[in-house]
Protein backbone atom coordinates (compact mmCIF):
# COMPACT_ATOMS: atom_id res chain seq x y z
CA MET A 1 19.35 -70.16 22.02
CA GLU A 2 22.27 -68.11 20.68
CA TRP A 3 20.74 -69.02 17.39
CA PHE A 4 17.09 -68.05 18.26
CA ALA A 5 18.72 -64.51 19.77
CA ASP A 6 20.75 -63.64 16.23
CA TYR A 7 17.59 -64.68 14.36
CA GLY A 8 15.41 -62.16 16.43
CA LEU A 9 17.97 -59.15 16.02
CA PHE A 10 17.75 -59.99 12.10
CA LEU A 11 14.27 -59.47 12.14
CA VAL A 12 14.18 -56.58 14.05
CA LYS A 13 16.69 -54.91 11.59
CA ALA A 14 14.62 -56.07 8.74
CA LEU A 15 11.52 -54.47 10.21
CA THR A 16 13.24 -51.32 10.88
CA VAL A 17 14.32 -51.25 7.26
CA LEU A 18 10.85 -51.83 5.78
CA VAL A 19 9.31 -49.06 8.35
CA VAL A 20 11.61 -46.38 7.54
CA LEU A 21 11.24 -47.41 3.50
CA GLY A 22 7.26 -47.07 4.21
CA LEU A 23 7.87 -43.84 5.76
CA LEU A 24 9.79 -42.89 2.74
CA ILE A 25 7.43 -43.63 0.12
CA GLY A 26 4.61 -42.16 2.15
CA PHE A 27 6.05 -38.92 2.17
CA VAL A 28 6.66 -38.84 -1.63
CA LEU A 29 3.17 -40.02 -2.32
CA THR A 30 1.88 -37.47 -0.01
CA VAL A 31 3.92 -34.81 -1.47
CA SER A 32 3.04 -36.17 -5.18
CA ALA A 33 -0.87 -36.12 -4.24
CA ARG A 34 -0.79 -32.48 -2.63
CA GLN A 35 1.22 -31.11 -5.74
CA LYS A 36 -1.28 -32.82 -8.17
CA GLN A 37 -4.50 -31.39 -6.10
CA SER A 38 -3.21 -27.90 -6.68
CA ASP A 39 -3.72 -26.37 -10.55
CA ALA A 40 -1.77 -23.02 -9.30
CA GLU A 41 1.62 -22.88 -10.99
CA GLY A 42 2.64 -20.55 -7.91
CA THR A 43 1.88 -17.54 -5.62
CA LEU A 44 1.39 -13.93 -6.50
CA LYS A 45 3.38 -11.74 -3.71
CA ILE A 46 2.26 -8.13 -3.29
CA ARG A 47 4.56 -5.97 -0.98
CA ASN A 48 3.65 -2.40 -0.14
CA LEU A 49 6.86 -0.39 -0.49
CA ASN A 50 5.43 2.35 1.12
CA ASP A 51 5.41 0.49 4.59
CA GLU A 52 8.69 -0.77 3.84
CA PHE A 53 10.19 2.46 3.34
CA GLU A 54 8.40 3.94 6.53
CA ASP A 55 9.75 1.19 8.65
CA GLN A 56 13.42 1.83 7.31
CA SER A 57 13.39 5.44 7.75
CA ASP A 58 11.64 4.78 11.49
CA GLU A 59 14.74 2.19 12.04
CA PHE A 60 17.23 4.68 10.98
CA ALA A 61 15.54 7.50 13.32
CA ALA A 62 15.78 5.26 16.07
CA HIS A 63 19.72 4.93 15.71
CA LEU A 64 20.01 8.41 14.68
CA LEU A 65 17.91 10.35 17.29
CA ASN A 66 17.82 10.45 20.81
CA GLU A 67 15.51 8.97 22.88
CA GLY A 68 12.79 12.11 23.18
CA ASP A 69 13.43 13.37 19.79
CA TYR A 70 12.62 9.74 18.50
CA LYS A 71 9.35 9.68 20.99
CA ALA A 72 8.45 13.12 19.65
CA ARG A 73 8.65 11.78 15.91
CA ARG A 74 6.75 8.82 16.51
CA LYS A 75 4.13 10.40 18.01
CA ALA A 76 3.59 13.24 15.61
CA LEU A 77 3.62 10.51 12.87
CA GLU A 78 0.79 8.70 14.69
CA LYS A 79 -0.86 12.17 15.29
CA ALA A 80 -0.56 12.79 11.40
CA LYS A 81 -2.21 9.58 10.61
CA LYS A 82 -5.41 9.56 13.28
CA ALA A 83 -6.16 13.28 12.04
CA ALA A 84 -5.95 11.89 8.06
CA SER A 85 -8.18 8.66 9.02
CA LYS A 86 -10.52 11.28 10.99
CA ALA A 87 -10.85 13.67 8.36
CA SER A 88 -11.83 10.87 5.97
CA LYS A 89 -14.43 9.44 7.97
CA LYS A 90 -16.00 12.73 8.40
CA GLN A 91 -16.04 13.38 4.72
CA PRO A 92 -19.71 12.86 3.36
CA LYS A 93 -19.95 9.92 0.97
CA ALA A 94 -21.03 11.60 -1.65
CA ALA A 95 -18.22 14.22 -1.38
CA GLN A 96 -15.90 11.20 -1.25
CA ASP A 97 -17.09 9.65 -4.26
CA ASP A 98 -16.75 13.02 -6.18
CA LYS A 99 -13.56 13.94 -5.29
CA PRO A 100 -10.35 12.53 -6.88
CA GLU A 101 -8.13 10.25 -5.38
CA THR A 102 -5.25 12.55 -4.45
CA ARG A 103 -2.69 9.72 -4.24
CA GLY A 104 -2.18 7.27 -7.21
CA ARG A 105 -1.05 3.88 -7.61
CA VAL A 106 2.42 2.24 -9.01
CA PHE A 107 2.78 -1.35 -9.63
CA VAL A 108 6.35 -2.41 -10.19
CA LEU A 109 7.61 -5.31 -11.72
CA ASN A 110 11.05 -7.02 -12.61
CA PHE A 111 12.05 -8.85 -15.58
CA GLU A 112 15.55 -10.42 -15.89
CA GLY A 113 15.79 -11.81 -19.43
CA ASP A 114 17.95 -14.49 -20.69
CA MET A 115 18.21 -15.86 -24.47
CA GLN A 116 14.97 -17.69 -24.16
CA ALA A 117 13.23 -14.90 -22.31
CA SER A 118 12.23 -17.49 -19.77
CA GLU A 119 10.25 -15.17 -17.11
CA SER A 120 7.69 -14.12 -20.10
CA GLN A 121 4.81 -16.35 -18.79
CA THR A 122 5.52 -15.13 -15.14
CA LEU A 123 5.69 -11.60 -16.55
CA ALA A 124 2.44 -12.61 -18.25
CA GLN A 125 0.89 -13.58 -15.06
CA GLN A 126 1.92 -10.61 -13.25
CA ILE A 127 0.76 -7.92 -15.98
CA SER A 128 -2.82 -9.74 -15.88
CA ALA A 129 -3.13 -9.45 -12.15
CA VAL A 130 -2.31 -5.78 -12.25
CA ILE A 131 -4.70 -5.48 -15.16
CA SER A 132 -7.64 -7.04 -13.74
CA ASN A 133 -7.47 -4.83 -10.56
CA SER A 134 -6.24 -1.51 -11.98
CA GLU A 135 -8.12 1.48 -11.67
CA GLN A 136 -7.92 4.83 -13.89
CA GLY A 137 -4.76 6.66 -13.51
CA ASP A 138 -2.70 3.50 -11.98
CA ARG A 139 0.98 3.36 -13.36
CA VAL A 140 3.13 0.36 -13.93
CA ILE A 141 6.63 0.39 -13.64
CA VAL A 142 8.81 -2.36 -15.22
CA CYS A 143 12.34 -2.85 -14.19
CA LEU A 144 13.98 -4.50 -17.17
CA GLU A 145 17.25 -6.16 -17.71
CA SER A 146 18.19 -8.04 -20.90
CA PRO A 147 20.86 -8.54 -23.37
CA GLY A 148 18.51 -9.98 -25.88
CA GLY A 149 17.91 -13.71 -27.00
CA LEU A 150 15.64 -15.92 -29.17
CA VAL A 151 13.51 -13.42 -31.92
CA HIS A 152 10.05 -15.00 -31.03
CA SER A 153 10.59 -15.46 -27.43
CA TYR A 154 11.27 -11.38 -27.07
CA GLY A 155 8.66 -10.66 -29.23
CA TYR A 156 6.19 -12.56 -26.99
CA ALA A 157 7.54 -10.38 -24.15
CA ALA A 158 7.26 -7.36 -25.86
CA SER A 159 3.84 -8.09 -26.39
CA GLN A 160 2.96 -8.46 -22.69
CA LEU A 161 4.13 -5.03 -22.25
CA ALA A 162 1.96 -3.72 -24.80
CA ARG A 163 -0.90 -5.35 -23.11
CA ILE A 164 -0.46 -2.41 -20.06
CA LYS A 165 -0.94 0.34 -22.81
CA THR A 166 -3.63 -1.54 -23.83
CA ALA A 167 -5.80 -1.44 -20.69
CA GLY A 168 -4.90 2.59 -20.23
CA LEU A 169 -2.04 2.42 -17.97
CA ARG A 170 1.02 4.57 -18.26
CA LEU A 171 4.33 1.94 -18.60
CA THR A 172 7.72 3.04 -17.59
CA VAL A 173 10.32 0.75 -18.33
CA ALA A 174 13.71 1.43 -15.81
CA VAL A 175 16.93 0.18 -16.96
CA ASP A 176 19.52 0.07 -14.37
CA LYS A 177 22.41 -2.03 -16.51
CA VAL A 178 21.44 -3.35 -19.92
CA ALA A 179 18.49 -3.38 -22.42
CA ALA A 180 19.99 -4.25 -25.44
CA SER A 181 18.40 -6.03 -28.84
CA GLY A 182 15.40 -7.97 -27.52
CA GLY A 183 15.70 -5.98 -24.53
CA TYR A 184 15.37 -3.10 -26.11
CA MET A 185 12.55 -4.20 -28.46
CA MET A 186 10.73 -4.93 -25.00
CA ALA A 187 11.55 -1.30 -23.44
CA CYS A 188 10.73 0.62 -26.75
CA VAL A 189 7.19 -0.33 -26.25
CA ALA A 190 6.60 1.99 -23.20
CA ASP A 191 5.15 5.35 -22.66
CA GLU A 192 8.96 6.44 -20.73
CA ILE A 193 12.20 4.54 -21.01
CA ILE A 194 14.53 5.86 -18.13
CA ALA A 195 18.32 4.33 -17.93
CA ALA A 196 21.22 4.74 -15.53
CA PRO A 197 23.94 6.80 -16.94
CA PHE A 198 25.80 3.78 -18.12
CA ALA A 199 23.19 1.21 -18.87
CA VAL A 200 23.69 -0.33 -22.25
CA ILE A 201 21.30 0.51 -24.72
CA GLY A 202 20.30 -0.42 -28.17
CA SER A 203 22.12 -3.37 -30.43
CA ILE A 204 18.96 -2.94 -32.96
CA GLY A 205 19.94 -5.82 -35.06
CA VAL A 206 20.13 -9.50 -35.98
CA VAL A 207 22.12 -12.60 -35.52
CA ALA A 208 22.75 -15.83 -36.20
CA GLN A 209 25.65 -18.34 -35.84
CA VAL A 210 25.83 -21.86 -37.10
CA PRO A 211 28.58 -24.29 -36.76
CA ASN A 212 29.36 -26.67 -39.47
CA PHE A 213 31.23 -29.72 -39.14
CA HIS A 214 31.09 -31.19 -42.87
CA ARG A 215 34.59 -30.94 -43.90
CA LEU A 216 35.61 -32.83 -40.19
CA LEU A 217 33.12 -35.48 -40.82
CA LYS A 218 34.23 -35.75 -44.66
CA LYS A 219 37.95 -36.10 -43.50
CA ASN A 220 36.95 -39.02 -41.03
CA ASP A 221 34.98 -40.68 -44.13
CA ILE A 222 31.62 -40.30 -42.37
CA ASP A 223 28.88 -39.03 -44.74
CA VAL A 224 25.43 -37.31 -43.73
CA GLU A 225 22.17 -37.06 -45.76
CA VAL A 226 20.16 -34.19 -45.13
CA LEU A 227 17.08 -35.03 -46.83
CA THR A 228 14.25 -32.18 -46.71
CA ALA A 229 10.96 -31.39 -48.85
CA GLY A 230 10.64 -27.90 -49.91
CA LYS A 231 13.59 -25.96 -51.33
CA TYR A 232 14.31 -23.69 -48.14
CA LYS A 233 13.58 -26.04 -45.23
CA ARG A 234 17.17 -25.99 -44.19
CA THR A 235 19.06 -23.37 -45.72
CA LEU A 236 22.09 -24.23 -43.48
CA THR A 237 22.89 -27.63 -41.96
CA ILE A 238 25.65 -28.23 -38.82
CA LEU A 239 26.45 -31.61 -40.50
CA GLY A 240 25.90 -31.27 -44.22
CA LYS A 241 27.41 -29.44 -46.92
CA ASN A 242 25.98 -25.68 -47.24
CA SER A 243 25.28 -24.23 -50.65
CA ASP A 244 25.78 -20.26 -51.35
CA ASP A 245 22.08 -20.57 -52.47
CA GLY A 246 21.34 -21.77 -48.55
CA ARG A 247 23.73 -18.97 -47.12
CA GLN A 248 21.95 -16.04 -49.33
CA LYS A 249 18.62 -17.17 -48.35
CA PHE A 250 19.44 -17.43 -44.84
CA VAL A 251 21.01 -13.91 -44.94
CA ALA A 252 17.92 -12.74 -46.27
CA GLU A 253 15.92 -14.03 -43.68
CA LEU A 254 18.32 -12.30 -41.40
CA GLU A 255 17.86 -9.04 -43.19
CA ALA A 256 13.87 -9.51 -43.37
CA THR A 257 13.73 -10.24 -39.56
CA HIS A 258 15.84 -7.09 -39.05
CA THR A 259 13.12 -4.69 -41.27
CA LEU A 260 10.29 -6.25 -38.65
CA PHE A 261 12.64 -4.96 -36.06
CA LYS A 262 13.15 -1.68 -37.11
CA LYS A 263 9.33 -1.06 -38.00
CA PHE A 264 8.37 -2.23 -34.96
CA VAL A 265 10.66 0.17 -32.85
CA SER A 266 9.58 3.20 -35.39
CA GLU A 267 6.06 2.79 -34.56
CA HIS A 268 6.60 2.79 -30.80
CA ARG A 269 9.09 6.00 -30.88
CA PRO A 270 8.30 7.59 -34.03
CA ALA A 271 10.52 10.34 -33.34
CA LEU A 272 13.60 8.13 -33.34
CA ASP A 273 15.60 8.31 -36.54
CA VAL A 274 15.65 4.23 -36.73
CA GLU A 275 17.90 3.98 -39.50
CA THR A 276 20.68 5.83 -37.75
CA VAL A 277 20.50 3.72 -34.67
CA ALA A 278 19.75 0.18 -36.03
CA THR A 279 23.26 -0.71 -36.94
CA GLY A 280 23.48 -3.54 -34.36
CA GLU A 281 25.62 -0.66 -32.05
CA ILE A 282 25.01 -0.22 -28.23
CA TRP A 283 25.02 2.94 -26.75
CA TYR A 284 25.49 3.98 -22.81
CA GLY A 285 22.34 5.76 -21.12
CA THR A 286 23.81 9.39 -21.72
CA GLU A 287 24.76 8.91 -25.12
CA ALA A 288 21.18 7.18 -25.74
CA LEU A 289 19.50 9.82 -24.18
CA ASP A 290 21.29 12.33 -26.77
CA ILE A 291 19.95 10.13 -29.84
CA GLY A 292 16.61 9.93 -28.55
CA LEU A 293 16.86 5.86 -27.55
CA ILE A 294 15.32 6.74 -24.06
CA ASP A 295 13.53 9.83 -22.30
CA ARG A 296 15.91 10.66 -19.37
CA ILE A 297 18.56 9.21 -16.89
CA ALA A 298 17.38 7.89 -13.60
CA THR A 299 18.01 4.62 -11.79
CA SER A 300 14.85 2.76 -10.96
CA ASP A 301 15.43 3.30 -7.26
CA GLU A 302 15.82 6.81 -7.60
CA MET A 303 12.40 7.07 -9.31
CA ILE A 304 10.72 4.58 -6.70
CA LEU A 305 11.82 6.95 -4.30
CA GLN A 306 10.42 10.01 -5.45
CA LEU A 307 7.15 8.45 -6.34
CA ILE A 308 6.52 7.06 -3.03
CA SER A 309 6.17 10.45 -1.47
CA ASP A 310 2.64 10.98 -3.53
CA HIS A 311 1.81 7.45 -4.69
CA ASP A 312 1.36 4.09 -3.20
CA VAL A 313 3.95 2.04 -4.76
CA TYR A 314 3.47 -2.20 -4.73
CA LYS A 315 5.68 -4.52 -5.88
CA ILE A 316 4.37 -7.31 -7.45
CA THR A 317 6.50 -10.66 -7.50
CA PHE A 318 5.26 -14.20 -8.60
CA GLU A 319 6.87 -17.22 -6.72
CA HIS A 320 6.72 -20.51 -8.46
CA LYS A 321 5.86 -23.87 -6.91
CA LYS A 322 8.93 -26.13 -6.75
CA THR A 323 8.30 -29.46 -8.46
CA LEU A 324 8.97 -32.89 -6.52
CA ALA A 325 12.16 -33.33 -8.31
CA GLN A 326 13.22 -29.85 -7.44
CA ARG A 327 12.42 -30.41 -3.69
CA LEU A 328 14.33 -33.78 -3.44
CA GLY A 329 17.13 -32.23 -5.19
CA PHE A 330 16.92 -34.59 -8.35
CA ALA A 331 16.50 -31.61 -10.80
CA ALA A 332 20.10 -31.36 -11.77
CA GLU A 333 20.20 -34.31 -14.39
CA GLN A 334 16.80 -32.80 -15.98
CA GLY A 335 18.60 -29.64 -16.06
CA ILE A 336 21.80 -30.94 -18.07
CA ALA A 337 19.50 -32.98 -20.76
CA ARG A 338 17.15 -30.07 -21.13
CA GLY A 339 20.33 -27.70 -22.04
CA PHE A 340 21.45 -30.02 -24.83
CA GLU A 341 18.34 -30.24 -26.12
CA ARG A 342 17.84 -26.21 -26.25
CA VAL A 343 21.64 -26.31 -27.70
CA TRP A 344 20.28 -28.70 -30.42
CA GLN A 345 16.94 -26.77 -31.28
CA THR A 346 18.36 -23.02 -31.37
CA GLN A 347 21.18 -23.52 -33.77
CA PHE A 348 18.88 -22.21 -36.68
CA GLU A 349 17.13 -19.68 -34.72
CA ARG A 350 17.58 -16.12 -35.09
CA TRP A 351 18.79 -13.81 -32.42
CA PHE A 352 18.29 -10.27 -31.15
């Protein structure tokens, strides 16, 4: 009898383990299936900053005013809204069509740049959404923070901002902390650049650094063969021996890229003396204003707060869907592997 009892307990434990495993596998398969069914990469989020500002003001007033004054304030605001709504309804339709809008619309986007300008695709999606729903007279503010990075990545990001102007919308770039090198390449596309007094601006230059382990390998009797087809297929290498001819060619390529950078800035800010500022130096906001790198001193918050009084201001963001690996917490290993791969791939890239 004792043997049957032990065997029965074993069966119960085994069934419990199988049920738990079955539920876990079912959960994983369900999440995976839902992810495959949806082609969307994420969700576009739109926040009305006017409403948020009004809510904040109301909460602030609730703490500062006595009960009577607060109620009177709320009543006056509601009365004003009703009056405006009533006046709009009474107005003849033809008059409404002919009358220009008294309040413009402003769309606020954010861009935080890393070396690869990884947010470029997100920025592109936001800009596409704004352009496809824009009206004449709309404006776009891009709050930009970037110290620069890969040339081709920031060239692509700058091209995305150019789409806003091509669509006939006024573009303002606001720099609160830094827009240097590739970041300034993006900023100079705008109709107007504003910056905080101590924001870092400029660094119109190109840099590349390539480590070389040839002497270390030779010291340890390790030979490395670098085989290429094409004289300048690999001007500098990490493991092989570099030649003076290869170095000169590499520097010439840097100079050519710098020339393209200066030309790009000059086309978008023709009043700027590009040769004077294209030395790779950086300037703080107040200094950048004096030499024409920016148009005025202001923070993004200051500008948005001013626009809220007579514009409808919307904050546009894009939230990416998490992959199954990210949801289950298995993305760390993939991230480390991608990091090593990027380090290897970018050794020969030119950087802003």
